[in-house]
Amino acid sequence: MTLKNPPVRASRKAIKKLFFKVRSETWDNLFDYEKHNGLHAHRVKGPDALHAFYNVQGVMTWLVERDYYSPEDFDRAERIPGHWSGLQVRTHTLAG
């Protein structure tokens, strides 16, 4: 279930775009109760403290374990050329 070239981490907004099979409203609920549903275990440190970031591979595994996606869904996505190329992860640095 490991995909070629997915981003390592993603914000909540990016997670919703990456895993669009889950409705936006459902994601909002999952994020609200992440400590109870296990999603919190996949949080990682992001470039700023204002936004939550998640390990993408961990979220993929979590989605399969909860039957939101199947491993075959990710296998099909891997065969789509440039599937991950539309997502850009940027970091901003303030000039001092």
C-alpha atoms as a PDB file:
ATOM      1  CA  MET A   1       0.000   0.000   0.000  1.00  0.00           C
ATOM      2  CA  THR A   2       3.029   2.311  -0.231  1.00  0.00           C
ATOM      3  CA  LEU A   3       2.607   4.742  -3.082  1.00  0.00           C
ATOM      4  CA  LYS A   4       5.325   6.296  -5.180  1.00  0.00           C
ATOM      5  CA  ASN A   5       6.080   9.933  -4.377  1.00  0.00           C
ATOM      6  CA  PRO A   6       3.224  10.877  -2.035  1.00  0.00           C
ATOM      7  CA  PRO A   7       3.879  13.867   0.209  1.00  0.00           C
ATOM      8  CA  VAL A   8       5.333  12.909   3.580  1.00  0.00           C
ATOM      9  CA  ARG A   9       3.005  15.121   5.561  1.00  0.00           C
ATOM     10  CA  ALA A  10      -0.119  17.078   4.749  1.00  0.00           C
ATOM     11  CA  SER A  11      -2.385  19.616   6.399  1.00  0.00           C
ATOM     12  CA  ARG A  12      -6.053  18.935   7.075  1.00  0.00           C
ATOM     13  CA  LYS A  13      -7.007  20.815   3.914  1.00  0.00           C
ATOM     14  CA  ALA A  14      -4.552  18.743   1.876  1.00  0.00           C
ATOM     15  CA  ILE A  15      -5.751  15.488   3.493  1.00  0.00           C
ATOM     16  CA  LYS A  16      -9.303  16.322   2.396  1.00  0.00           C
ATOM     17  CA  LYS A  17      -8.092  16.911  -1.181  1.00  0.00           C
ATOM     18  CA  LEU A  18      -5.900  13.807  -1.276  1.00  0.00           C
ATOM     19  CA  PHE A  19      -8.531  11.464   0.119  1.00  0.00           C
ATOM     20  CA  PHE A  20     -11.615  12.917  -1.539  1.00  0.00           C
ATOM     21  CA  LYS A  21     -13.551   9.647  -1.361  1.00  0.00           C
ATOM     22  CA  VAL A  22     -14.367  10.697   2.220  1.00  0.00           C
ATOM     23  CA  ARG A  23     -16.765  13.653   2.205  1.00  0.00           C
ATOM     24  CA  SER A  24     -15.534  16.989   3.564  1.00  0.00           C
ATOM     25  CA  GLU A  25     -18.164  16.955   6.325  1.00  0.00           C
ATOM     26  CA  THR A  26     -17.055  13.482   7.381  1.00  0.00           C
ATOM     27  CA  TRP A  27     -13.436  14.657   7.509  1.00  0.00           C
ATOM     28  CA  ASP A  28     -14.473  17.577   9.725  1.00  0.00           C
ATOM     29  CA  ASN A  29     -16.090  15.125  12.139  1.00  0.00           C
ATOM     30  CA  LEU A  30     -13.093  12.778  12.029  1.00  0.00           C
ATOM     31  CA  PHE A  31     -10.721  15.663  12.783  1.00  0.00           C
ATOM     32  CA  ASP A  32     -12.955  16.877  15.650  1.00  0.00           C
ATOM     33  CA  TYR A  33     -12.812  13.439  17.307  1.00  0.00           C
ATOM     34  CA  GLU A  34      -9.330  12.354  16.219  1.00  0.00           C
ATOM     35  CA  LYS A  35      -8.200  11.461  19.741  1.00  0.00           C
ATOM     36  CA  HIS A  36     -11.082   9.002  20.021  1.00  0.00           C
ATOM     37  CA  ASN A  37     -10.904   7.468  16.551  1.00  0.00           C
ATOM     38  CA  GLY A  38      -7.116   6.997  16.328  1.00  0.00           C
ATOM     39  CA  LEU A  39      -6.368   9.610  13.666  1.00  0.00           C
ATOM     40  CA  HIS A  40      -4.420  11.644  16.232  1.00  0.00           C
ATOM     41  CA  ALA A  41      -1.693   8.970  16.225  1.00  0.00           C
ATOM     42  CA  HIS A  42      -0.738  10.097  12.713  1.00  0.00           C
ATOM     43  CA  ARG A  43      -0.168  13.764  13.544  1.00  0.00           C
ATOM     44  CA  VAL A  44       3.322  15.071  12.906  1.00  0.00           C
ATOM     45  CA  LYS A  45       5.118  18.329  13.459  1.00  0.00           C
ATOM     46  CA  GLY A  46       4.442  20.801  10.688  1.00  0.00           C
ATOM     47  CA  PRO A  47       6.195  23.991   9.633  1.00  0.00           C
ATOM     48  CA  ASP A  48       4.029  26.034  12.004  1.00  0.00           C
ATOM     49  CA  ALA A  49       2.127  25.431  15.207  1.00  0.00           C
ATOM     50  CA  LEU A  50      -1.144  26.895  13.923  1.00  0.00           C
ATOM     51  CA  HIS A  51      -2.122  23.987  11.684  1.00  0.00           C
ATOM     52  CA  ALA A  52      -2.364  20.248  12.159  1.00  0.00           C
ATOM     53  CA  PHE A  53      -0.259  18.043   9.884  1.00  0.00           C
ATOM     54  CA  TYR A  54      -0.509  14.287   9.375  1.00  0.00           C
ATOM     55  CA  ASN A  55       1.754  11.525   8.123  1.00  0.00           C
ATOM     56  CA  VAL A  56       0.200  10.633   4.756  1.00  0.00           C
ATOM     57  CA  GLN A  57       1.213   6.953   4.767  1.00  0.00           C
ATOM     58  CA  GLY A  58      -0.187   6.598   8.295  1.00  0.00           C
ATOM     59  CA  VAL A  59      -3.481   8.208   7.263  1.00  0.00           C
ATOM     60  CA  MET A  60      -3.668   5.852   4.271  1.00  0.00           C
ATOM     61  CA  THR A  61      -3.287   2.840   6.564  1.00  0.00           C
ATOM     62  CA  TRP A  62      -5.852   4.306   8.977  1.00  0.00           C
ATOM     63  CA  LEU A  63      -8.357   4.830   6.144  1.00  0.00           C
ATOM     64  CA  VAL A  64      -7.981   1.210   4.996  1.00  0.00           C
ATOM     65  CA  GLU A  65      -8.341  -0.124   8.550  1.00  0.00           C
ATOM     66  CA  ARG A  66     -11.640   1.741   8.893  1.00  0.00           C
ATOM     67  CA  ASP A  67     -12.945   0.733   5.448  1.00  0.00           C
ATOM     68  CA  TYR A  68     -13.057   4.246   4.008  1.00  0.00           C
ATOM     69  CA  TYR A  69     -10.629   3.057   1.307  1.00  0.00           C
ATOM     70  CA  SER A  70      -9.435  -0.327   0.146  1.00  0.00           C
ATOM     71  CA  PRO A  71      -5.818  -1.188  -0.684  1.00  0.00           C
ATOM     72  CA  GLU A  72      -6.977  -1.531  -4.289  1.00  0.00           C
ATOM     73  CA  ASP A  73      -8.037   2.128  -4.291  1.00  0.00           C
ATOM     74  CA  PHE A  74      -4.453   3.125  -3.569  1.00  0.00           C
ATOM     75  CA  ASP A  75      -3.071   0.625  -6.082  1.00  0.00           C
ATOM     76  CA  ARG A  76      -5.230   2.238  -8.782  1.00  0.00           C
ATOM     77  CA  ALA A  77      -4.126   5.728  -7.736  1.00  0.00           C
ATOM     78  CA  GLU A  78      -0.493   4.696  -8.025  1.00  0.00           C
ATOM     79  CA  ARG A  79      -1.025   3.794 -11.667  1.00  0.00           C
ATOM     80  CA  ILE A  80      -2.364   7.273 -12.502  1.00  0.00           C
ATOM     81  CA  PRO A  81       0.555   9.305 -13.886  1.00  0.00           C
ATOM     82  CA  GLY A  82       1.240  12.386 -11.775  1.00  0.00           C
ATOM     83  CA  HIS A  83      -1.413  11.503  -9.172  1.00  0.00           C
ATOM     84  CA  TRP A  84       0.481  13.256  -6.374  1.00  0.00           C
ATOM     85  CA  SER A  85       1.997  16.021  -8.503  1.00  0.00           C
ATOM     86  CA  GLY A  86      -0.979  18.358  -8.048  1.00  0.00           C
ATOM     87  CA  LEU A  87      -0.308  18.677  -4.332  1.00  0.00           C
ATOM     88  CA  GLN A  88       2.425  21.045  -3.279  1.00  0.00           C
ATOM     89  CA  VAL A  89       3.697  21.302   0.256  1.00  0.00           C
ATOM     90  CA  ARG A  90       5.216  24.697   0.931  1.00  0.00           C
ATOM     91  CA  THR A  91       6.999  26.159   3.884  1.00  0.00           C
ATOM     92  CA  HIS A  92       7.273  29.879   4.478  1.00  0.00           C
ATOM     93  CA  THR A  93      10.115  31.641   6.176  1.00  0.00           C
ATOM     94  CA  LEU A  94       9.885  35.162   7.497  1.00  0.00           C
ATOM     95  CA  ALA A  95      12.787  37.359   6.451  1.00  0.00           C
ATOM     96  CA  GLY A  96      14.462  38.853   9.469  1.00  0.00           C
END
